[in-house]
Protein backbone atom coordinates (compact mmCIF):
# COMPACT_ATOMS: atom_id res chain seq x y z
CA MET A 1 116.97 85.13 78.27
CA LYS A 2 118.64 87.98 76.41
CA LEU A 3 116.83 91.15 75.35
CA ILE A 4 117.77 92.52 71.96
CA ASN A 5 116.68 95.94 70.72
CA ILE A 6 116.24 95.89 66.95
CA SER A 7 114.99 99.12 65.33
CA ASN A 8 112.84 100.18 68.29
CA GLN A 9 111.22 96.75 68.55
CA LEU A 10 112.02 94.52 71.47
CA SER A 11 112.59 90.87 70.69
CA VAL A 12 113.48 88.12 73.13
CA GLU A 13 116.16 85.56 72.47
CA LYS A 14 115.74 82.63 74.83
CA ARG A 15 118.67 80.41 75.74
CA LYS A 16 118.67 77.34 77.94
CA GLY A 17 119.50 78.06 81.57
CA ASP A 18 119.08 81.85 81.29
CA ARG A 19 116.65 83.33 83.79
CA MET A 20 115.94 86.97 84.33
CA GLN A 21 115.82 87.80 88.05
CA ASP A 22 113.33 90.23 89.57
CA LEU A 23 114.71 93.71 90.01
CA ASN A 24 113.42 96.57 92.14
CA GLU A 25 115.88 99.46 92.04
CA SER A 26 115.15 103.16 92.17
CA ARG A 27 117.54 106.07 91.78
CA VAL A 28 116.50 109.69 91.88
CA ARG A 29 118.56 112.85 91.88
CA GLY A 30 116.84 116.14 92.57
CA ARG A 31 116.13 118.80 95.16
CA LEU A 32 114.15 118.67 98.38
CA THR A 33 110.82 120.47 98.16
CA LYS A 34 110.68 120.92 101.95
CA ASN A 35 112.69 120.15 105.07
CA PRO A 36 112.96 116.47 106.07
CA GLU A 37 110.29 115.23 108.49
CA LEU A 38 111.91 113.18 111.28
CA THR A 39 109.78 110.80 113.38
CA SER A 40 110.30 107.62 115.36
CA SER A 41 108.59 104.34 114.53
CA GLU A 42 106.86 102.12 117.08
CA SER A 43 110.14 100.23 117.52
CA SER A 44 111.95 103.53 118.30
CA GLN A 45 113.76 103.53 114.96
CA SER A 46 114.29 106.96 113.43
CA ARG A 47 112.41 107.60 110.20
CA ALA A 48 112.74 110.62 107.89
CA VAL A 49 110.54 111.48 104.93
CA LEU A 50 112.20 113.39 102.11
CA ASN A 51 110.15 114.98 99.33
CA VAL A 52 112.29 115.12 96.19
CA CYS A 53 111.52 116.89 92.91
CA THR A 54 113.16 115.71 89.70
CA ASN A 55 112.85 117.40 86.30
CA TYR A 56 112.55 115.66 82.95
CA ARG A 57 113.84 118.05 80.31
CA TYR A 58 113.14 117.68 76.61
CA THR A 59 112.57 119.67 73.43
CA ASN A 60 109.02 119.52 72.08
CA ALA A 61 107.94 119.40 68.43
CA LYS A 62 107.98 123.21 68.24
CA GLY A 63 111.64 123.29 69.31
CA GLU A 64 110.83 124.71 72.74
CA LYS A 65 112.66 123.44 75.80
CA VAL A 66 110.23 121.94 78.30
CA SER A 67 110.80 120.88 81.90
CA LYS A 68 108.33 118.43 83.46
CA PRO A 69 108.64 117.96 87.24
CA SER A 70 108.00 114.68 89.07
CA TYR A 71 107.69 114.39 92.83
CA HIS A 72 108.98 111.44 94.86
CA ARG A 73 108.36 110.51 98.49
CA VAL A 74 111.50 108.95 99.97
CA VAL A 75 111.67 107.19 103.34
CA VAL A 76 115.00 106.88 105.18
CA PHE A 77 115.52 104.83 108.36
CA GLY A 78 118.01 104.71 111.25
CA PRO A 79 121.14 106.87 111.48
CA ASN A 80 120.72 107.91 107.84
CA ALA A 81 117.37 109.44 108.79
CA GLU A 82 118.88 111.35 111.70
CA ASN A 83 121.71 112.68 109.52
CA ALA A 84 119.31 113.69 106.75
CA ALA A 85 117.19 115.66 109.23
CA LYS A 86 120.31 117.27 110.70
CA TYR A 87 122.17 118.24 107.51
CA LEU A 88 119.52 118.60 104.77
CA SER A 89 116.98 121.36 104.18
CA LYS A 90 114.58 122.58 101.52
CA GLY A 91 116.37 123.15 98.21
CA HIS A 92 119.25 120.78 99.01
CA GLN A 93 120.29 118.49 96.15
CA VAL A 94 120.22 114.76 96.95
CA GLU A 95 120.76 111.47 95.17
CA ILE A 96 118.86 108.46 96.48
CA ASP A 97 119.46 104.76 95.77
CA GLY A 98 116.79 102.41 97.02
CA ARG A 99 113.75 100.37 96.12
CA SER A 100 110.14 101.18 95.33
CA GLU A 101 107.48 100.00 97.77
CA THR A 102 103.70 100.39 97.75
CA ARG A 103 101.75 100.22 101.00
CA GLU A 104 98.12 100.49 101.96
CA TYR A 105 96.62 102.68 104.67
CA LYS A 106 93.17 103.83 105.79
CA THR A 107 92.07 107.44 106.03
CA GLU A 108 90.23 108.81 109.06
CA ALA A 109 87.02 108.27 107.07
CA GLY A 110 87.91 104.58 106.69
CA GLU A 111 88.76 104.74 102.96
CA ARG A 112 91.54 102.47 101.68
CA ARG A 113 94.42 104.29 99.98
CA TRP A 114 97.75 103.23 98.51
CA ILE A 115 100.99 105.15 98.41
CA THR A 116 104.22 104.34 96.58
CA GLU A 117 107.46 105.41 98.25
CA ILE A 118 111.15 104.93 97.64
CA ILE A 119 112.80 103.18 100.59
CA ALA A 120 116.33 104.60 100.64
CA ASP A 121 119.41 102.43 101.01
CA VAL A 122 121.89 105.22 100.21
CA VAL A 123 121.46 109.00 100.49
CA ARG A 124 124.11 111.22 98.90
CA TYR A 125 124.14 114.93 99.76
CA GLY A 126 124.77 117.34 96.93
CA GLU A 127 124.76 121.07 96.48
CA ALA A 128 123.20 123.11 99.27
CA PRO A 129 120.48 125.64 98.44
CA LYS A 130 121.75 129.06 97.43
CA LYS A 131 121.25 131.68 100.11
CA VAL A 132 119.61 134.81 98.76
CA GLU A 133 120.60 137.98 100.56
CA PRO A 134 117.88 140.61 100.77
CA SER A 135 118.61 143.64 98.61
CA GLU A 136 117.50 146.02 101.37
CA PRO A 137 117.79 145.53 105.10
CA VAL A 138 114.60 144.40 106.75
CA ILE A 139 113.52 146.87 109.40
CA GLU A 140 111.14 145.55 111.99
CA THR A 141 109.02 148.04 113.86
CA VAL A 142 107.47 147.23 117.19
CA THR A 143 104.47 149.16 118.37
CA GLU A 144 104.03 149.29 122.10
CA ILE A 145 100.50 149.14 123.32
CA ASP A 146 99.78 150.62 126.72
CA PRO A 147 97.09 148.42 128.29
CA PHE A 148 96.19 151.15 130.83
C-alpha cells in the first residue's frame, strides 16, 4: 500500500504484496518541568519519570505569534533512569525517542483511570537550564529566642 498526498486529500494506491506495518514511535524534544522522580520497581529495576513540556509555535489569523504548550509524561528504566536522575534537573532540555503506552490504574476511591506515557528507549541531554544570579545578595537574619 502506498499513500499519496494529492492537493490535501489522501488517497490510497494498493499494490499486491504491499502491507503497512504497525508503528508506535514517539519523539519529543522539550524542557523538564520538574526534577526527575527516581523510584525502584517491584523487580528492583530503577524507574524515572520525566515531565517534559513541548511548545507548538504558529502564527494565527491575526498575524500574532502563538505558543501552545503540551505536557508529556516520560518513563525511563534501568541505568538510563539512574543517569537521568543524576544529571538532569528542572529546565534541562531533553530529546526522547520511545513508544507511547496507555495503562490502567485504580484510584484510592476505586475509580478506574487511564494514563498515556512515553516509554523511553533513548534519552538525549541538551542544554542545561540557565542559572540566574540574584541582583542583590540575599542576607539571612537569624533571631535568637531566649527560652528562659
